[in-house]
Amino acid sequence: MTRSIFRNMPMWFILVAIAVFVLLSVNFFYLNTAVNMIALTILNVANAIRLWKAERSMAIVLLIVGIACGLYLIKYLLN
């Protein structure tokens, strides 16, 4: 069953997802909101790149959400 789940995912996306999961797990003890926002923005953009050929409209929505999160992150860090 796990092979069928990971068969459609490229290796680079699995590595990015693992890195984001590790980053979020480590940040669980430090409770820094900016790190959470950066990690989730990275995962969101990586998912948009992965979906670009198959579901372009969903990828565009994910990129717009990623840009909105990035702008909110910049606003959060500058205050």
N, C-alpha and C. Protein backbone atom coordinates (compact mmCIF):
# COMPACT_ATOMS: atom_id res chain seq x y z
N MET A 1 0.82 -1.19 0.00
CA MET A 1 0.00 0.00 0.00
C MET A 1 0.87 1.25 0.00
N THR A 2 1.94 1.29 0.78
CA THR A 2 2.76 2.49 0.82
C THR A 2 3.48 2.71 -0.50
N ARG A 3 3.78 1.65 -1.21
CA ARG A 3 4.42 1.82 -2.52
C ARG A 3 3.48 2.49 -3.50
N SER A 4 2.20 2.19 -3.43
CA SER A 4 1.25 2.82 -4.34
C SER A 4 1.07 4.29 -4.00
N ILE A 5 1.20 4.66 -2.75
CA ILE A 5 1.07 6.07 -2.36
C ILE A 5 2.27 6.85 -2.86
N PHE A 6 3.47 6.32 -2.68
CA PHE A 6 4.69 7.03 -3.04
C PHE A 6 5.08 6.86 -4.51
N ARG A 7 4.39 6.03 -5.25
CA ARG A 7 4.75 5.80 -6.64
C ARG A 7 4.54 7.04 -7.49
N ASN A 8 3.51 7.82 -7.21
CA ASN A 8 3.21 9.00 -8.01
C ASN A 8 3.96 10.24 -7.54
N MET A 9 4.70 10.15 -6.45
CA MET A 9 5.43 11.30 -5.93
C MET A 9 6.89 11.22 -6.36
N PRO A 10 7.42 12.33 -6.86
CA PRO A 10 8.85 12.32 -7.20
C PRO A 10 9.72 12.28 -5.94
N MET A 11 10.93 11.79 -6.12
CA MET A 11 11.84 11.65 -4.98
C MET A 11 12.17 13.00 -4.35
N TRP A 12 12.32 14.05 -5.16
CA TRP A 12 12.67 15.36 -4.61
C TRP A 12 11.55 15.88 -3.71
N PHE A 13 10.29 15.58 -4.05
CA PHE A 13 9.18 16.04 -3.22
C PHE A 13 9.16 15.29 -1.89
N ILE A 14 9.46 14.01 -1.91
CA ILE A 14 9.50 13.24 -0.67
C ILE A 14 10.61 13.77 0.23
N LEU A 15 11.76 14.11 -0.35
CA LEU A 15 12.87 14.66 0.44
C LEU A 15 12.51 16.03 1.03
N VAL A 16 11.84 16.86 0.23
CA VAL A 16 11.41 18.17 0.75
C VAL A 16 10.40 17.98 1.87
N ALA A 17 9.47 17.06 1.71
CA ALA A 17 8.46 16.81 2.74
C ALA A 17 9.10 16.30 4.03
N ILE A 18 10.09 15.43 3.91
CA ILE A 18 10.80 14.93 5.09
C ILE A 18 11.56 16.06 5.77
N ALA A 19 12.21 16.92 4.99
CA ALA A 19 12.94 18.05 5.57
C ALA A 19 12.00 19.01 6.28
N VAL A 20 10.84 19.28 5.70
CA VAL A 20 9.86 20.16 6.34
C VAL A 20 9.33 19.51 7.61
N PHE A 21 9.07 18.21 7.58
CA PHE A 21 8.59 17.52 8.78
C PHE A 21 9.63 17.58 9.90
N VAL A 22 10.90 17.40 9.56
CA VAL A 22 11.96 17.49 10.58
C VAL A 22 12.03 18.92 11.13
N LEU A 23 11.93 19.90 10.24
CA LEU A 23 11.97 21.30 10.67
C LEU A 23 10.80 21.62 11.59
N LEU A 24 9.62 21.15 11.27
CA LEU A 24 8.46 21.39 12.13
C LEU A 24 8.58 20.63 13.45
N SER A 25 9.14 19.44 13.41
CA SER A 25 9.30 18.66 14.64
C SER A 25 10.31 19.32 15.59
N VAL A 26 11.42 19.81 15.05
CA VAL A 26 12.41 20.50 15.88
C VAL A 26 11.83 21.80 16.40
N ASN A 27 11.09 22.49 15.55
CA ASN A 27 10.50 23.77 15.95
C ASN A 27 9.39 23.59 16.98
N PHE A 28 8.88 22.40 17.13
CA PHE A 28 7.85 22.14 18.13
C PHE A 28 8.36 22.49 19.53
N PHE A 29 9.65 22.35 19.76
CA PHE A 29 10.22 22.65 21.08
C PHE A 29 10.60 24.12 21.23
N TYR A 30 10.86 24.82 20.11
CA TYR A 30 11.28 26.22 20.18
C TYR A 30 10.13 27.20 19.99
N LEU A 31 9.05 26.77 19.37
CA LEU A 31 7.84 27.57 19.19
C LEU A 31 8.10 28.91 18.51
N ASN A 32 8.77 28.86 17.35
CA ASN A 32 9.00 30.06 16.57
C ASN A 32 8.03 30.05 15.39
N THR A 33 7.13 31.01 15.37
CA THR A 33 6.09 31.04 14.34
C THR A 33 6.67 31.26 12.96
N ALA A 34 7.73 32.04 12.85
CA ALA A 34 8.32 32.33 11.54
C ALA A 34 8.85 31.06 10.89
N VAL A 35 9.45 30.19 11.66
CA VAL A 35 9.98 28.94 11.11
C VAL A 35 8.84 28.06 10.61
N ASN A 36 7.74 28.01 11.33
CA ASN A 36 6.58 27.24 10.87
C ASN A 36 6.06 27.78 9.55
N MET A 37 5.98 29.10 9.44
CA MET A 37 5.47 29.71 8.21
C MET A 37 6.41 29.46 7.04
N ILE A 38 7.71 29.52 7.27
CA ILE A 38 8.67 29.25 6.21
C ILE A 38 8.56 27.80 5.75
N ALA A 39 8.47 26.87 6.70
CA ALA A 39 8.39 25.45 6.36
C ALA A 39 7.13 25.13 5.57
N LEU A 40 6.01 25.67 5.99
CA LEU A 40 4.77 25.39 5.29
C LEU A 40 4.71 26.07 3.93
N THR A 41 5.34 27.23 3.79
CA THR A 41 5.41 27.89 2.49
C THR A 41 6.27 27.07 1.53
N ILE A 42 7.39 26.54 2.02
CA ILE A 42 8.24 25.69 1.18
C ILE A 42 7.48 24.45 0.72
N LEU A 43 6.75 23.82 1.62
CA LEU A 43 5.98 22.63 1.25
C LEU A 43 4.86 22.97 0.27
N ASN A 44 4.25 24.13 0.46
CA ASN A 44 3.17 24.55 -0.43
C ASN A 44 3.68 24.79 -1.85
N VAL A 45 4.81 25.47 -1.99
CA VAL A 45 5.37 25.74 -3.31
C VAL A 45 5.87 24.44 -3.95
N ALA A 46 6.47 23.56 -3.17
CA ALA A 46 6.92 22.28 -3.72
C ALA A 46 5.74 21.45 -4.22
N ASN A 47 4.63 21.49 -3.51
CA ASN A 47 3.44 20.77 -3.94
C ASN A 47 2.88 21.38 -5.22
N ALA A 48 2.93 22.71 -5.33
CA ALA A 48 2.46 23.36 -6.55
C ALA A 48 3.33 22.97 -7.75
N ILE A 49 4.64 22.90 -7.56
CA ILE A 49 5.53 22.49 -8.64
C ILE A 49 5.25 21.04 -9.04
N ARG A 50 4.98 20.21 -8.06
CA ARG A 50 4.70 18.79 -8.34
C ARG A 50 3.41 18.63 -9.13
N LEU A 51 2.42 19.45 -8.86
CA LEU A 51 1.11 19.32 -9.50
C LEU A 51 0.98 20.12 -10.80
N TRP A 52 2.02 20.83 -11.22
CA TRP A 52 1.89 21.78 -12.32
C TRP A 52 1.40 21.13 -13.62
N LYS A 53 1.89 19.97 -14.00
CA LYS A 53 1.48 19.36 -15.27
C LYS A 53 0.11 18.71 -15.18
N ALA A 54 -0.18 18.06 -14.08
CA ALA A 54 -1.42 17.30 -13.98
C ALA A 54 -2.62 18.19 -13.67
N GLU A 55 -2.49 19.06 -12.69
CA GLU A 55 -3.61 19.91 -12.25
C GLU A 55 -3.12 21.35 -12.15
N ARG A 56 -3.11 22.03 -13.27
CA ARG A 56 -2.54 23.37 -13.33
C ARG A 56 -3.34 24.38 -12.51
N SER A 57 -4.66 24.28 -12.49
CA SER A 57 -5.46 25.25 -11.73
C SER A 57 -5.20 25.12 -10.22
N MET A 58 -5.06 23.90 -9.74
CA MET A 58 -4.75 23.70 -8.32
C MET A 58 -3.35 24.22 -8.00
N ALA A 59 -2.42 24.02 -8.92
CA ALA A 59 -1.06 24.52 -8.72
C ALA A 59 -1.03 26.04 -8.64
N ILE A 60 -1.82 26.70 -9.47
CA ILE A 60 -1.88 28.16 -9.44
C ILE A 60 -2.46 28.64 -8.12
N VAL A 61 -3.49 27.97 -7.62
CA VAL A 61 -4.06 28.33 -6.33
C VAL A 61 -3.04 28.14 -5.21
N LEU A 62 -2.29 27.05 -5.26
CA LEU A 62 -1.27 26.81 -4.24
C LEU A 62 -0.16 27.85 -4.30
N LEU A 63 0.21 28.29 -5.50
CA LEU A 63 1.23 29.33 -5.61
C LEU A 63 0.72 30.67 -5.09
N ILE A 64 -0.55 30.97 -5.33
CA ILE A 64 -1.12 32.21 -4.78
C ILE A 64 -1.16 32.16 -3.26
N VAL A 65 -1.52 31.02 -2.70
CA VAL A 65 -1.50 30.87 -1.24
C VAL A 65 -0.08 30.96 -0.71
N GLY A 66 0.88 30.39 -1.43
CA GLY A 66 2.28 30.49 -1.03
C GLY A 66 2.78 31.92 -1.04
N ILE A 67 2.39 32.70 -2.05
CA ILE A 67 2.78 34.11 -2.11
C ILE A 67 2.13 34.89 -0.97
N ALA A 68 0.86 34.60 -0.68
CA ALA A 68 0.19 35.27 0.43
C ALA A 68 0.87 34.94 1.76
N CYS A 69 1.25 33.69 1.95
CA CYS A 69 1.95 33.31 3.18
C CYS A 69 3.33 33.98 3.25
N GLY A 70 4.01 34.07 2.13
CA GLY A 70 5.31 34.74 2.10
C GLY A 70 5.19 36.22 2.44
N LEU A 71 4.17 36.89 1.90
CA LEU A 71 3.96 38.30 2.23
C LEU A 71 3.62 38.48 3.70
N TYR A 72 2.79 37.58 4.23
CA TYR A 72 2.46 37.65 5.66
C TYR A 72 3.69 37.40 6.51
N LEU A 73 4.56 36.52 6.06
CA LEU A 73 5.81 36.24 6.77
C LEU A 73 6.71 37.48 6.79
N ILE A 74 6.81 38.15 5.66
CA ILE A 74 7.63 39.38 5.61
C ILE A 74 7.05 40.43 6.54
N LYS A 75 5.72 40.58 6.53
CA LYS A 75 5.08 41.54 7.43
C LYS A 75 5.32 41.16 8.89
N TYR A 76 5.27 39.86 9.18
CA TYR A 76 5.49 39.39 10.56
C TYR A 76 6.93 39.63 11.01
N LEU A 77 7.89 39.40 10.12
CA LEU A 77 9.28 39.56 10.48
C LEU A 77 9.70 41.03 10.59
N LEU A 78 9.05 41.91 9.86
CA LEU A 78 9.41 43.33 9.92
C LEU A 78 8.80 44.05 11.12
N ASN A 79 7.81 43.48 11.75
CA ASN A 79 7.21 44.11 12.94
C ASN A 79 7.88 43.69 14.19
